[in-house]
C-alpha cells in the first residue's frame, strides 16, 4: 500500500489522460477568436491570410515538454486597434481557457502578431 499526503492508495492508478495537441490548439484558437480586436488566426507556414474559423487551430503551435505546455498563437489584429492591447487580451484569454479546460496552473502563451487587417 502506498501512502501519499495522508491518503491511502489501494490498487493501481486509474491511468493517464492524454490530450491531443490538435485539441489543445482548438481550445486556444477558440479563445483567441473570441477576443475583441482579433481579426482571425493565420497559418505560420503560409502568407498572413485569415484562416476560416473551422481551420483556426492551424494558427496555433503546441509545444509540450514533460508537464509544461506552451502555445504560439499566430493572429491578425483588426485595423485601427492597439496591437499591444489586443495581443495582451488574447494572451490572457488563451491562458485562462487552457488553465481552466486542462487544469494547468500557468501555461505559456506566446502571441505572434502576423499582420493587421479588417473583419
C-alpha atoms as a PDB file:
ATOM      1  CA  UNK A   1       0.000   0.000   0.000  1.00  0.00           C
ATOM      2  CA  UNK A   2       1.201   3.496  -0.785  1.00  0.00           C
ATOM      3  CA  UNK A   3       0.574   6.457   1.485  1.00  0.00           C
ATOM      4  CA  UNK A   4       0.634   9.893  -0.093  1.00  0.00           C
ATOM      5  CA  UNK A   5      -0.212  13.067   1.860  1.00  0.00           C
ATOM      6  CA  UNK A   6      -2.167  11.089   4.479  1.00  0.00           C
ATOM      7  CA  UNK A   7      -4.259   9.416   1.764  1.00  0.00           C
ATOM      8  CA  UNK A   8      -4.012   5.717   1.136  1.00  0.00           C
ATOM      9  CA  UNK A   9      -3.936   4.492  -2.440  1.00  0.00           C
ATOM     10  CA  UNK A  10      -5.238   0.972  -2.890  1.00  0.00           C
ATOM     11  CA  UNK A  11      -4.584  -0.889  -6.102  1.00  0.00           C
ATOM     12  CA  UNK A  12      -3.154   0.677  -9.201  1.00  0.00           C
ATOM     13  CA  UNK A  13      -3.578   4.215 -10.549  1.00  0.00           C
ATOM     14  CA  UNK A  14      -6.614   4.902 -12.705  1.00  0.00           C
ATOM     15  CA  UNK A  15      -4.446   5.613 -15.726  1.00  0.00           C
ATOM     16  CA  UNK A  16      -3.361   8.605 -17.737  1.00  0.00           C
ATOM     17  CA  UNK A  17      -5.319  11.238 -19.555  1.00  0.00           C
ATOM     18  CA  UNK A  18      -3.769  12.159 -22.883  1.00  0.00           C
ATOM     19  CA  UNK A  19      -4.910  15.251 -24.744  1.00  0.00           C
ATOM     20  CA  UNK A  20      -4.032  15.569 -28.410  1.00  0.00           C
ATOM     21  CA  UNK A  21      -2.140  18.699 -29.474  1.00  0.00           C
ATOM     22  CA  UNK A  22      -4.916  19.288 -32.017  1.00  0.00           C
ATOM     23  CA  UNK A  23      -7.455  19.529 -29.180  1.00  0.00           C
ATOM     24  CA  UNK A  24      -5.231  21.961 -27.275  1.00  0.00           C
ATOM     25  CA  UNK A  25      -4.835  24.054 -30.436  1.00  0.00           C
ATOM     26  CA  UNK A  26      -8.620  24.130 -30.888  1.00  0.00           C
ATOM     27  CA  UNK A  27      -9.133  25.405 -27.330  1.00  0.00           C
ATOM     28  CA  UNK A  28      -6.500  28.114 -27.789  1.00  0.00           C
ATOM     29  CA  UNK A  29      -7.871  29.137 -31.198  1.00  0.00           C
ATOM     30  CA  UNK A  30     -11.435  29.439 -29.907  1.00  0.00           C
ATOM     31  CA  UNK A  31     -10.318  31.647 -27.016  1.00  0.00           C
ATOM     32  CA  UNK A  32      -8.227  33.869 -29.286  1.00  0.00           C
ATOM     33  CA  UNK A  33     -11.048  34.272 -31.815  1.00  0.00           C
ATOM     34  CA  UNK A  34     -13.407  35.449 -29.070  1.00  0.00           C
ATOM     35  CA  UNK A  35     -11.014  38.246 -28.121  1.00  0.00           C
ATOM     36  CA  UNK A  36     -12.165  41.711 -29.133  1.00  0.00           C
ATOM     37  CA  UNK A  37      -9.840  43.103 -31.797  1.00  0.00           C
ATOM     38  CA  UNK A  38      -8.650  39.770 -33.202  1.00  0.00           C
ATOM     39  CA  UNK A  39      -9.480  39.609 -36.916  1.00  0.00           C
ATOM     40  CA  UNK A  40      -8.526  35.937 -37.091  1.00  0.00           C
ATOM     41  CA  UNK A  41      -5.729  33.424 -36.890  1.00  0.00           C
ATOM     42  CA  UNK A  42      -3.219  32.714 -39.626  1.00  0.00           C
ATOM     43  CA  UNK A  43      -1.101  29.730 -40.616  1.00  0.00           C
ATOM     44  CA  UNK A  44       2.504  30.425 -39.535  1.00  0.00           C
ATOM     45  CA  UNK A  45       3.772  28.472 -42.549  1.00  0.00           C
ATOM     46  CA  UNK A  46       1.832  30.470 -45.120  1.00  0.00           C
ATOM     47  CA  UNK A  47       1.030  34.041 -46.108  1.00  0.00           C
ATOM     48  CA  UNK A  48      -0.703  36.139 -43.433  1.00  0.00           C
ATOM     49  CA  UNK A  49      -4.304  35.465 -44.501  1.00  0.00           C
ATOM     50  CA  UNK A  50      -7.113  34.864 -42.031  1.00  0.00           C
ATOM     51  CA  UNK A  51      -7.927  31.176 -41.709  1.00  0.00           C
ATOM     52  CA  UNK A  52     -11.591  30.121 -41.842  1.00  0.00           C
ATOM     53  CA  UNK A  53     -12.955  29.560 -38.303  1.00  0.00           C
ATOM     54  CA  UNK A  54     -13.045  25.780 -38.809  1.00  0.00           C
ATOM     55  CA  UNK A  55      -9.325  25.786 -39.619  1.00  0.00           C
ATOM     56  CA  UNK A  56      -8.231  28.334 -36.997  1.00  0.00           C
ATOM     57  CA  UNK A  57      -6.407  25.680 -34.947  1.00  0.00           C
ATOM     58  CA  UNK A  58      -3.755  25.655 -37.710  1.00  0.00           C
ATOM     59  CA  UNK A  59      -2.779  29.094 -36.408  1.00  0.00           C
ATOM     60  CA  UNK A  60      -1.665  27.601 -33.089  1.00  0.00           C
ATOM     61  CA  UNK A  61       1.589  25.729 -32.463  1.00  0.00           C
ATOM     62  CA  UNK A  62       1.525  23.460 -29.401  1.00  0.00           C
ATOM     63  CA  UNK A  63       4.705  22.561 -27.518  1.00  0.00           C
ATOM     64  CA  UNK A  64       4.676  20.025 -24.676  1.00  0.00           C
ATOM     65  CA  UNK A  65       7.773  19.226 -22.652  1.00  0.00           C
ATOM     66  CA  UNK A  66       7.231  16.898 -19.695  1.00  0.00           C
ATOM     67  CA  UNK A  67       4.398  18.627 -17.793  1.00  0.00           C
ATOM     68  CA  UNK A  68       4.930  22.083 -19.289  1.00  0.00           C
ATOM     69  CA  UNK A  69       2.662  23.417 -22.016  1.00  0.00           C
ATOM     70  CA  UNK A  70       3.429  26.317 -24.337  1.00  0.00           C
ATOM     71  CA  UNK A  71       1.387  27.554 -27.279  1.00  0.00           C
ATOM     72  CA  UNK A  72       2.238  30.046 -30.005  1.00  0.00           C
ATOM     73  CA  UNK A  73      -0.854  31.804 -31.352  1.00  0.00           C
ATOM     74  CA  UNK A  74      -0.413  33.442 -34.761  1.00  0.00           C
ATOM     75  CA  UNK A  75      -3.041  36.117 -35.198  1.00  0.00           C
ATOM     76  CA  UNK A  76      -4.093  39.119 -37.205  1.00  0.00           C
ATOM     77  CA  UNK A  77      -5.241  42.236 -35.360  1.00  0.00           C
ATOM     78  CA  UNK A  78      -8.169  44.284 -36.650  1.00  0.00           C
ATOM     79  CA  UNK A  79      -7.247  47.521 -38.384  1.00  0.00           C
ATOM     80  CA  UNK A  80      -7.377  50.533 -36.090  1.00  0.00           C
ATOM     81  CA  UNK A  81      -6.903  48.553 -32.881  1.00  0.00           C
ATOM     82  CA  UNK A  82      -3.984  48.755 -30.469  1.00  0.00           C
ATOM     83  CA  UNK A  83      -1.770  45.793 -31.320  1.00  0.00           C
ATOM     84  CA  UNK A  84      -0.334  45.640 -27.797  1.00  0.00           C
ATOM     85  CA  UNK A  85      -3.765  45.766 -26.118  1.00  0.00           C
ATOM     86  CA  UNK A  86      -5.263  43.121 -28.398  1.00  0.00           C
ATOM     87  CA  UNK A  87      -2.221  40.850 -28.004  1.00  0.00           C
ATOM     88  CA  UNK A  88      -2.362  41.121 -24.196  1.00  0.00           C
ATOM     89  CA  UNK A  89      -6.105  40.447 -24.162  1.00  0.00           C
ATOM     90  CA  UNK A  90      -5.701  37.417 -26.437  1.00  0.00           C
ATOM     91  CA  UNK A  91      -2.838  36.117 -24.303  1.00  0.00           C
ATOM     92  CA  UNK A  92      -4.930  36.425 -21.156  1.00  0.00           C
ATOM     93  CA  UNK A  93      -7.979  34.778 -22.768  1.00  0.00           C
ATOM     94  CA  UNK A  94      -5.988  31.848 -24.153  1.00  0.00           C
ATOM     95  CA  UNK A  95      -4.138  31.321 -20.868  1.00  0.00           C
ATOM     96  CA  UNK A  96      -7.417  31.348 -18.909  1.00  0.00           C
ATOM     97  CA  UNK A  97      -9.091  28.917 -21.325  1.00  0.00           C
ATOM     98  CA  UNK A  98      -6.181  26.473 -21.238  1.00  0.00           C
ATOM     99  CA  UNK A  99      -5.785  26.756 -17.457  1.00  0.00           C
ATOM    100  CA  UNK A 100      -9.478  26.069 -16.864  1.00  0.00           C
ATOM    101  CA  UNK A 101     -10.029  23.414 -19.515  1.00  0.00           C
ATOM    102  CA  UNK A 102      -6.820  21.458 -18.946  1.00  0.00           C
ATOM    103  CA  UNK A 103      -6.463  22.199 -15.212  1.00  0.00           C
ATOM    104  CA  UNK A 104      -2.985  23.635 -15.695  1.00  0.00           C
ATOM    105  CA  UNK A 105      -1.649  26.351 -13.388  1.00  0.00           C
ATOM    106  CA  UNK A 106       0.287  28.544 -15.837  1.00  0.00           C
ATOM    107  CA  UNK A 107       0.576  27.515 -19.470  1.00  0.00           C
ATOM    108  CA  UNK A 108       2.931  29.678 -21.517  1.00  0.00           C
ATOM    109  CA  UNK A 109       1.077  31.618 -24.206  1.00  0.00           C
ATOM    110  CA  UNK A 110       3.086  33.426 -26.869  1.00  0.00           C
ATOM    111  CA  UNK A 111       1.180  35.759 -29.164  1.00  0.00           C
ATOM    112  CA  UNK A 112       2.691  36.319 -32.590  1.00  0.00           C
ATOM    113  CA  UNK A 113       1.006  39.141 -34.492  1.00  0.00           C
ATOM    114  CA  UNK A 114       1.385  38.254 -38.168  1.00  0.00           C
ATOM    115  CA  UNK A 115      -0.434  41.246 -39.586  1.00  0.00           C
ATOM    116  CA  UNK A 116      -3.199  43.818 -39.368  1.00  0.00           C
ATOM    117  CA  UNK A 117      -6.427  43.513 -41.307  1.00  0.00           C
ATOM    118  CA  UNK A 118     -10.156  44.020 -41.194  1.00  0.00           C
ATOM    119  CA  UNK A 119     -13.046  41.948 -40.134  1.00  0.00           C
END
